[in-house]
Protein backbone atom coordinates (compact mmCIF):
# COMPACT_ATOMS: atom_id res chain seq x y z
CA MET A 1 -5.99 9.53 -25.54
CA SER A 2 -4.97 13.13 -24.68
CA THR A 3 -5.93 16.09 -26.88
CA ALA A 4 -2.29 16.49 -28.12
CA ALA A 5 -1.91 12.78 -28.96
CA LEU A 6 -5.30 12.88 -30.80
CA LYS A 7 -4.11 15.91 -32.89
CA THR A 8 -0.81 14.10 -33.61
CA GLU A 9 -2.65 11.00 -34.82
CA LYS A 10 -5.01 13.03 -37.03
CA ALA A 11 -2.01 14.73 -38.63
CA ARG A 12 -0.31 11.32 -39.22
CA VAL A 13 -3.44 9.91 -40.89
CA LYS A 14 -3.72 13.12 -43.03
CA ARG A 15 -0.07 12.86 -44.19
CA ALA A 16 -0.63 9.14 -45.08
CA ARG A 17 -3.65 9.98 -47.19
CA LYS A 18 -1.79 12.69 -49.10
CA GLN A 19 1.17 10.23 -49.67
CA SER A 20 -1.25 7.61 -50.85
CA THR A 21 -2.82 10.09 -53.29
CA ARG A 22 0.64 11.09 -54.64
CA GLN A 23 1.55 7.44 -55.18
CA LYS A 24 -1.74 6.70 -56.93
CA ARG A 25 -1.60 9.60 -59.29
CA LYS A 26 0.92 9.15 -62.11
CA ARG A 27 1.92 11.73 -64.69
CA ARG A 28 0.14 10.64 -67.87
CA SER A 29 2.60 9.71 -70.66
CA LEU A 30 0.88 10.49 -74.00
CA GLN A 31 2.56 9.32 -77.14
CA LYS A 32 0.21 11.13 -79.53
CA THR A 33 -1.63 14.45 -79.48
CA SER A 34 -5.31 14.85 -80.40
CA ILE A 35 -5.77 17.10 -83.34
CA LEU A 36 -8.28 19.00 -81.16
CA SER A 37 -5.79 19.78 -78.50
CA ARG A 38 -5.14 23.32 -79.67
CA GLY A 39 -2.68 24.23 -76.86
CA LYS A 40 -0.62 21.13 -77.34
CA LEU A 41 -0.45 21.60 -81.16
CA VAL A 42 0.88 25.16 -80.59
CA ASP A 43 3.54 23.53 -78.43
CA VAL A 44 4.33 21.16 -81.29
CA LEU A 45 5.40 24.18 -83.37
CA THR A 46 8.25 24.85 -80.92
CA THR A 47 9.31 21.22 -80.42
CA HIS A 48 9.00 19.81 -83.98
CA PRO A 49 12.31 20.04 -85.90
CA GLY A 50 12.29 23.16 -88.03
CA SER A 51 8.79 24.23 -86.96
CA ASP A 52 10.12 27.34 -85.21
CA GLN A 53 11.39 28.69 -88.50
CA ARG A 54 9.49 30.49 -91.23
CA ASP A 55 7.86 28.16 -93.80
CA HIS A 56 7.99 28.36 -97.56
CA ASP A 57 4.59 27.01 -98.58
CA GLY A 58 3.85 26.38 -102.19
CA ALA A 59 0.11 26.91 -101.44
CA THR A 60 0.83 30.62 -100.85
CA GLY A 61 2.81 31.08 -104.05
CA GLY A 62 6.22 30.68 -102.31
CA ALA A 63 5.51 33.34 -99.71
CA VAL A 64 7.24 33.20 -96.35
CA THR A 65 4.82 32.24 -93.58
CA ARG A 66 5.42 32.42 -89.83
CA LEU A 67 3.80 29.54 -88.11
CA GLY A 68 1.59 30.39 -85.24
CA SER A 69 -1.59 29.68 -83.32
CA LYS A 70 -3.79 30.99 -86.18
CA HIS A 71 -2.58 28.14 -88.32
CA VAL A 72 -3.44 25.57 -85.59
CA ASP A 73 -6.90 27.08 -85.37
CA SER A 74 -7.27 26.51 -89.14
CA VAL A 75 -6.37 22.81 -88.66
CA VAL A 76 -8.94 22.45 -85.83
CA GLN A 77 -11.56 24.20 -88.02
CA GLN A 78 -10.78 21.85 -90.95
CA PHE A 79 -11.22 18.75 -88.75
CA ILE A 80 -14.69 20.05 -87.37
CA GLU A 81 -15.75 20.94 -90.95
CA PHE A 82 -14.82 17.39 -91.98
CA GLU A 83 -16.91 15.90 -89.03
CA ARG A 84 -19.82 18.19 -89.81
CA ARG A 85 -19.79 17.18 -93.45
CA HIS A 86 -19.44 13.55 -93.03
CA PHE A 87 -21.15 12.60 -89.73
CA TRP A 88 -23.45 15.34 -88.46
CA ASN A 89 -26.54 14.16 -90.28
CA ARG A 90 -29.10 11.42 -90.03
CA ARG A 91 -27.38 9.11 -92.47
CA HIS A 92 -24.27 8.52 -90.42
CA GLY A 93 -25.37 7.55 -87.00
CA LEU A 94 -23.61 4.45 -85.61
CA ARG A 95 -26.18 1.87 -84.68
CA VAL A 96 -26.81 0.87 -81.04
CA SER A 97 -28.88 -2.11 -80.03
CA GLY A 98 -32.04 -1.36 -78.12
CA LEU A 99 -32.79 1.81 -80.07
CA PRO A 100 -35.42 1.99 -82.84
CA LEU A 101 -33.46 1.57 -86.11
CA THR A 102 -34.41 4.27 -88.52
CA ASP A 103 -32.71 5.53 -91.70
CA GLY A 104 -31.20 8.11 -89.48
CA GLU A 105 -29.42 5.57 -87.36
CA ARG A 106 -27.77 3.42 -89.99
CA PHE A 107 -24.10 3.29 -90.75
CA ALA A 108 -22.68 1.40 -93.64
CA ASN A 109 -20.43 -1.48 -92.66
CA GLY A 110 -20.84 -0.29 -89.04
CA PRO A 111 -20.89 -2.70 -86.17
CA ASP A 112 -23.69 -2.90 -83.68
CA LEU A 113 -22.25 -1.03 -80.74
CA ALA A 114 -24.11 -3.19 -78.20
CA ALA A 115 -23.95 -6.62 -79.94
CA PRO A 116 -22.43 -9.62 -78.10
CA HIS A 117 -18.71 -10.31 -78.84
CA ALA A 118 -17.99 -12.74 -81.62
CA ALA A 119 -16.58 -15.19 -79.05
CA GLY A 120 -20.09 -15.61 -77.70
CA GLY A 121 -19.68 -13.60 -74.61
CA ALA A 122 -22.83 -11.99 -73.04
CA ARG A 123 -21.16 -8.60 -72.46
CA ARG A 124 -22.71 -5.86 -74.55
CA GLY A 125 -20.42 -3.78 -76.63
CA VAL A 126 -17.64 -4.16 -79.26
CA THR A 127 -14.08 -3.12 -79.20
CA PRO A 128 -12.72 -1.03 -82.09
CA THR A 129 -9.28 -1.88 -83.58
CA GLY A 130 -7.57 1.30 -82.40
CA PRO A 131 -7.94 4.99 -81.50
CA GLY A 132 -10.15 6.96 -83.80
CA SER A 133 -10.90 4.00 -86.03
CA TRP A 134 -14.41 2.93 -85.34
CA PRO A 135 -15.66 1.32 -87.61
CA VAL A 136 -12.67 0.14 -89.51
CA PRO A 137 -12.19 2.30 -92.55
CA VAL A 138 -12.41 0.61 -95.88
CA PRO A 139 -9.78 1.76 -98.36
CA ALA A 140 -11.44 3.19 -101.53
CA ASP A 141 -9.37 1.04 -103.78
CA SER A 142 -9.87 -2.27 -101.84
CA GLY A 143 -12.76 -3.37 -104.02
CA ARG A 144 -14.66 -4.34 -100.86
CA THR A 145 -18.36 -3.81 -101.43
CA GLY A 146 -19.89 -5.79 -98.52
CA GLY A 147 -19.70 -5.19 -94.84
CA GLY A 148 -20.65 -6.25 -91.40
CA GLY A 149 -24.08 -4.55 -91.64
CA GLY A 150 -25.92 -7.35 -93.48
CA GLY A 151 -29.62 -7.79 -93.55
CA ASP A 152 -31.47 -4.58 -93.79
CA ASP A 153 -28.26 -2.70 -94.23
CA ASP A 154 -27.37 -4.19 -97.56
CA ASP A 155 -28.51 -1.19 -99.42
CA ASP A 156 -25.76 0.73 -97.62
CA ALA A 157 -23.06 -1.71 -98.33
CA GLY A 158 -19.89 -0.48 -99.96
CA THR A 159 -19.84 2.92 -98.34
CA VAL A 160 -16.38 3.95 -97.29
CA VAL A 161 -16.02 5.36 -93.77
CA PRO A 162 -14.18 8.67 -94.19
CA GLN A 163 -10.97 9.39 -92.31
CA PHE A 164 -9.58 12.87 -91.72
CA ASP A 165 -6.33 13.65 -93.59
CA VAL A 166 -4.61 16.91 -92.86
CA PHE A 167 -2.89 16.84 -96.28
CA THR A 168 -6.13 16.60 -98.26
CA ALA A 169 -8.79 18.02 -96.01
CA GLY A 170 -10.23 21.30 -96.98
CA HIS A 171 -8.99 21.41 -100.57
CA GLY A 172 -10.82 24.15 -102.44
CA ARG A 173 -12.01 25.76 -99.12
CA ARG A 174 -10.80 28.96 -97.62
CA SER A 175 -9.66 27.37 -94.36
CA SER A 176 -7.13 25.07 -96.09
CA ARG A 177 -5.15 27.88 -97.55
CA ASP A 178 -3.94 28.99 -94.03
CA VAL A 179 -2.22 25.74 -93.19
CA PRO A 180 1.47 25.70 -94.16
CA ARG A 181 3.09 22.48 -95.29
CA ARG A 182 5.48 22.35 -92.34
CA LEU A 183 2.64 22.39 -89.86
CA LYS A 184 0.90 19.54 -91.76
CA GLU A 185 4.14 17.48 -91.55
CA ALA A 186 4.43 18.15 -87.81
CA ILE A 187 0.77 17.09 -87.26
CA ALA A 188 1.38 13.90 -89.35
CA VAL A 189 4.27 13.04 -86.85
CA HIS A 190 2.58 14.01 -83.55
CA CYS A 191 -1.11 13.18 -84.18
CA PRO A 192 -2.49 9.73 -84.91
CA SER A 193 -4.05 8.68 -88.24
CA GLY A 194 -7.50 10.27 -88.37
CA GLY A 195 -6.66 12.79 -85.73
CA LEU A 196 -8.36 11.06 -82.70
CA THR A 197 -6.49 9.51 -79.77
CA THR A 198 -9.49 7.83 -78.13
CA ARG A 199 -11.93 5.10 -78.90
CA VAL A 200 -15.36 3.99 -77.79
CA ALA A 201 -14.67 0.78 -75.88
CA HIS A 202 -18.35 0.19 -74.99
CA ALA A 203 -21.77 1.69 -75.57
CA GLU A 204 -24.78 0.93 -73.37
CA PRO A 205 -28.20 2.26 -74.32
CA SER A 206 -31.05 2.46 -71.88
CA SER A 207 -34.14 0.26 -72.35
CA ASP A 208 -36.12 3.14 -73.81
CA GLY A 209 -33.26 4.57 -75.87
CA ALA A 210 -33.43 7.88 -74.09
CA THR A 211 -29.71 7.68 -72.97
CA ILE A 212 -26.57 6.07 -74.29
CA LYS A 213 -23.61 5.63 -71.86
CA LEU A 214 -20.28 5.62 -73.61
CA LEU A 215 -17.08 4.12 -72.20
CA ILE A 216 -14.23 6.13 -73.77
CA GLU A 217 -10.77 4.52 -73.70
CA LEU A 218 -7.84 6.92 -73.68
CA GLN A 219 -4.55 6.20 -75.43
CA ASP A 220 -2.78 5.26 -72.20
CA GLY A 221 -5.41 2.73 -71.21
CA TYR A 222 -7.43 4.77 -68.81
CA GLN A 223 -11.23 4.90 -69.26
CA VAL A 224 -13.83 7.65 -68.71
CA GLU A 225 -17.60 7.79 -69.25
CA SER A 226 -19.81 10.08 -71.30
CA VAL A 227 -23.61 10.01 -71.42
CA ILE A 228 -25.84 11.05 -74.37
CA MET A 229 -29.27 12.18 -73.21
CA ARG A 230 -31.76 12.17 -76.06
CA HIS A 231 -34.76 14.46 -75.84
CA ARG A 232 -37.37 12.74 -77.94
CA HIS A 233 -40.60 13.70 -79.58
CA HIS A 234 -43.55 11.45 -80.29
CA SER A 235 -45.44 12.44 -83.42
CA ALA A 236 -49.25 12.89 -83.29
CA GLY A 237 -51.05 9.60 -83.11
CA GLY A 238 -48.13 7.82 -81.35
CA GLY A 239 -46.36 6.94 -84.59
CA ASN A 240 -42.78 7.89 -85.31
CA ILE A 241 -40.35 8.82 -82.56
CA THR A 242 -37.72 11.43 -83.48
CA THR A 243 -34.85 12.91 -81.46
CA THR A 244 -35.28 16.68 -81.51
CA ARG A 245 -32.20 17.59 -79.45
CA ALA A 246 -29.49 15.92 -77.31
CA THR A 247 -27.33 16.77 -74.38
CA LEU A 248 -23.89 15.32 -73.70
CA CYS A 249 -22.43 14.80 -70.16
CA VAL A 250 -18.66 14.82 -70.45
CA SER A 251 -15.78 13.85 -68.10
CA SER A 252 -12.86 16.17 -67.41
CA GLN A 253 -10.57 13.96 -65.31
CA VAL A 254 -9.62 10.34 -64.74
CA GLY A 255 -10.82 9.79 -61.23
CA CYS A 256 -11.33 12.70 -58.75
CA LYS A 257 -9.71 13.82 -55.51
CA MET A 258 -12.70 15.63 -54.00
CA GLY A 259 -13.87 12.55 -52.18
CA CYS A 260 -17.66 13.22 -52.04
CA LYS A 261 -19.21 10.47 -49.94
CA PHE A 262 -21.94 9.68 -52.51
CA CYS A 263 -19.73 9.63 -55.59
CA ALA A 264 -18.04 6.44 -56.88
CA THR A 265 -15.47 8.43 -58.91
CA GLY A 266 -14.14 9.91 -55.73
CA THR A 267 -13.03 6.54 -54.45
CA LEU A 268 -10.53 6.33 -57.31
CA GLY A 269 -8.52 9.36 -56.31
CA GLU A 270 -7.27 11.72 -58.99
CA LEU A 271 -5.45 9.67 -61.58
CA GLY A 272 -4.87 12.29 -64.24
CA ASN A 273 -6.28 15.21 -66.10
CA LEU A 274 -7.75 14.90 -69.59
CA THR A 275 -6.40 17.12 -72.34
CA SER A 276 -8.69 19.54 -74.04
CA GLY A 277 -8.57 17.31 -77.04
CA GLU A 278 -9.69 14.32 -75.07
CA ILE A 279 -12.59 16.30 -73.72
CA LEU A 280 -13.61 17.46 -77.21
CA GLU A 281 -13.25 13.90 -78.65
CA GLN A 282 -16.12 12.85 -76.33
CA LEU A 283 -18.17 15.36 -78.25
CA VAL A 284 -16.93 14.07 -81.57
CA TRP A 285 -17.97 10.55 -80.71
CA ALA A 286 -21.39 11.56 -79.46
CA ASN A 287 -22.04 13.48 -82.73
CA ARG A 288 -21.02 10.47 -84.69
CA ILE A 289 -23.25 8.02 -82.66
CA ASN A 290 -26.39 10.11 -82.22
CA ASP A 291 -28.73 10.83 -85.03
CA VAL A 292 -28.68 14.64 -84.36
CA PRO A 293 -25.72 16.68 -83.25
CA MET A 294 -25.31 17.64 -79.55
CA ARG A 295 -27.15 20.85 -78.63
CA ASN A 296 -26.02 21.02 -74.91
CA VAL A 297 -22.90 19.94 -73.06
CA VAL A 298 -22.68 19.62 -69.29
CA PHE A 299 -19.40 19.00 -67.39
CA MET A 300 -21.02 16.61 -64.93
CA GLY A 301 -19.10 13.39 -65.67
CA MET A 302 -15.97 12.09 -64.03
CA GLY A 303 -13.71 14.56 -62.20
CA GLU A 304 -13.91 18.12 -60.91
CA PRO A 305 -13.81 20.41 -63.95
CA LEU A 306 -12.20 23.30 -62.07
CA ASN A 307 -9.28 21.15 -60.95
CA ASN A 308 -8.48 20.74 -64.66
CA TYR A 309 -9.16 24.44 -65.28
CA ASN A 310 -6.95 25.26 -68.33
CA SER A 311 -8.01 22.17 -70.35
CA VAL A 312 -11.69 22.73 -69.61
CA VAL A 313 -11.54 26.44 -70.62
CA GLU A 314 -9.72 25.60 -73.82
CA ALA A 315 -12.27 22.91 -74.67
CA VAL A 316 -15.22 25.15 -73.98
CA ARG A 317 -13.82 27.88 -76.16
CA VAL A 318 -13.54 25.45 -79.11
CA MET A 319 -17.10 24.14 -78.36
CA THR A 320 -18.59 27.64 -78.43
CA SER A 321 -16.43 29.14 -81.26
CA GLN A 322 -18.16 29.77 -84.62
CA ARG A 323 -15.11 28.24 -86.17
CA GLY A 324 -15.38 25.26 -83.75
CA PHE A 325 -18.47 23.24 -82.84
CA GLY A 326 -20.68 26.41 -82.80
CA LEU A 327 -22.56 25.65 -79.55
CA ALA A 328 -24.33 28.49 -77.79
CA ALA A 329 -22.22 29.40 -74.73
CA SER A 330 -25.31 29.42 -72.51
CA ARG A 331 -25.88 25.71 -73.46
CA VAL A 332 -22.53 24.72 -71.93
CA THR A 333 -22.69 24.16 -68.26
CA VAL A 334 -19.66 23.74 -66.00
CA SER A 335 -20.48 22.04 -62.72
CA THR A 336 -18.31 22.27 -59.72
CA VAL A 337 -18.34 21.02 -56.15
CA GLY A 338 -17.15 24.43 -55.11
CA ILE A 339 -13.54 25.55 -55.89
CA ALA A 340 -14.22 29.24 -55.02
CA PRO A 341 -11.11 30.85 -56.61
CA ARG A 342 -11.74 29.05 -59.89
CA MET A 343 -15.43 29.87 -59.85
CA GLU A 344 -14.55 33.50 -59.58
CA GLN A 345 -12.06 33.16 -62.41
CA LEU A 346 -14.44 31.29 -64.63
CA VAL A 347 -16.94 34.17 -64.60
CA THR A 348 -14.15 36.37 -65.98
CA ASP A 349 -12.73 33.88 -68.56
CA LEU A 350 -16.06 32.43 -69.74
CA PRO A 351 -18.74 34.95 -68.82
CA HIS A 352 -21.44 33.47 -71.12
CA VAL A 353 -21.14 29.85 -69.95
CA SER A 354 -23.60 28.50 -67.38
CA MET A 355 -22.46 27.45 -63.94
CA ALA A 356 -23.73 24.76 -61.63
CA LEU A 357 -22.79 24.26 -57.96
CA SER A 358 -23.13 20.89 -56.27
CA LEU A 359 -24.35 22.18 -52.91
CA HIS A 360 -26.08 19.19 -51.44
CA ALA A 361 -26.76 20.69 -47.97
CA PRO A 362 -28.29 23.87 -46.46
CA THR A 363 -25.56 24.48 -43.81
CA GLN A 364 -21.78 24.45 -43.73
CA GLU A 365 -21.60 21.71 -41.14
CA MET A 366 -23.92 19.31 -42.95
CA ARG A 367 -22.21 19.98 -46.22
CA ALA A 368 -18.80 19.31 -44.81
CA SER A 369 -19.94 15.87 -43.62
CA ILE A 370 -20.67 14.67 -47.14
CA VAL A 371 -18.43 16.92 -49.29
CA PRO A 372 -14.89 17.05 -47.73
CA ALA A 373 -13.96 19.98 -50.06
CA ALA A 374 -16.48 22.17 -48.14
CA ARG A 375 -13.91 22.43 -45.32
CA GLY A 376 -11.69 24.43 -47.56
CA TRP A 377 -14.22 26.76 -49.17
CA LYS A 378 -16.98 28.08 -46.85
CA MET A 379 -20.52 28.40 -48.13
CA GLU A 380 -20.48 32.19 -47.79
CA ARG A 381 -17.75 32.51 -50.36
CA LEU A 382 -19.51 30.10 -52.69
CA MET A 383 -22.68 32.11 -52.57
CA GLY A 384 -20.60 35.20 -53.31
CA ALA A 385 -19.18 33.53 -56.43
CA LEU A 386 -22.65 32.54 -57.56
CA ASP A 387 -23.91 36.11 -56.94
CA ALA A 388 -21.05 37.40 -59.16
CA HIS A 389 -21.99 34.92 -61.89
CA THR A 390 -25.62 36.15 -61.80
CA ARG A 391 -24.61 39.77 -61.75
CA ILE A 392 -22.20 39.50 -64.70
CA THR A 393 -24.10 37.08 -66.92
CA GLY A 394 -27.64 38.06 -65.98
CA ARG A 395 -28.55 34.34 -65.51
CA ALA A 396 -29.19 32.36 -62.43
CA ALA A 397 -26.83 29.56 -61.57
CA LEU A 398 -28.01 25.96 -61.10
CA VAL A 399 -27.78 24.59 -57.54
CA GLN A 400 -27.62 20.77 -57.33
CA TYR A 401 -28.69 18.60 -54.54
CA ILE A 402 -28.56 14.82 -54.07
CA LEU A 403 -30.76 12.87 -51.71
CA CYS A 404 -28.71 10.68 -49.53
CA LEU A 405 -28.47 9.40 -45.97
CA LEU A 406 -26.16 11.31 -43.67
CA TYR A 407 -23.52 9.46 -41.77
CA THR A 408 -24.37 11.36 -38.56
CA SER A 409 -27.77 12.52 -37.40
CA PRO A 410 -28.50 16.15 -38.09
CA SER A 411 -28.56 18.54 -35.24
CA PRO A 412 -31.84 20.04 -33.89
CA ARG A 413 -30.92 23.29 -35.70
CA ASP A 414 -30.52 21.43 -39.04
CA ARG A 415 -33.89 19.73 -38.55
CA GLY A 416 -35.16 23.21 -38.35
């Protein structure tokens, strides 16, 4: 085959692959908005009937209030305060089979996240009844005093699983006075009951309990994975085991288009971006399940975070805000395969957040053979972006490698 014919064939194959990716990726159609999706809630103010007008709120003594982003921030703060008050402690951890069951890992009426299905199937995990409703809330006036816990959990029976309600949350607190009635009505229409749009479809603990893999189901049926990594401490004498801190690995996309040869997610293609709320809900579920709140968050799950830049930046800002989850910015790490322009922008937008680069090879040629994105962004520019990060933040970036077999033998120069 001549050189011209070979170039033509390569171009045809490239166009076919792009067309296949476009056909595979569908615009996500989301019926409900997560209460943690700050940007989308601001958009609700302009789309909800009457929300673009000033609001007369009885809570402010009849004063005229102009709805804006500060009111959405108050709603997000209320939800996180609710989570902190009801779930971020050792009495409200959802129980997972395979982990030592302590008082800090009990949940009244809560299902065993890794128990066999009632039908007798061997698959580990249980399916909740709907988004944001795990376990099933028990109405306070239902008179139900028993639950699915049974056995050693009988002393916890009758506890009502709390559900966030924007109309009642924060009463008597400063944050609640900033939320006008019209915004609450808009949230009641556009957000699901309880505020969450996702559910934990499956939880898989490791044999030693050091990690818990969560399969998070989104409202449109897609699924992504999160992993809780528990840093555990053995007391003197080998007695009790306590979890001193925990790290959460979150996903930012459904699938990924970067096509790294060693990554299973890359075989899916890019199926869609997660909203900032869906990213933050992974943190919500992890804090509910684990016996201590998450201390670190790493964007090393499914997807390329910098290809979903706006949602990732918005989620990180809520994670690190003192009115949000209150994480230290240096304990949030954004990992990338090397989208150079976004790396340079990230240093400006989130200067205190840690950065990690999936390098995987010492030379441009070797890297391009296993990371197709390397053909677009040369190693020299990536190193420049890392240098800028170090210069501005004063902290070194993390460089990641994976040990794998190359598809072609390295050149004598690479063998070095």
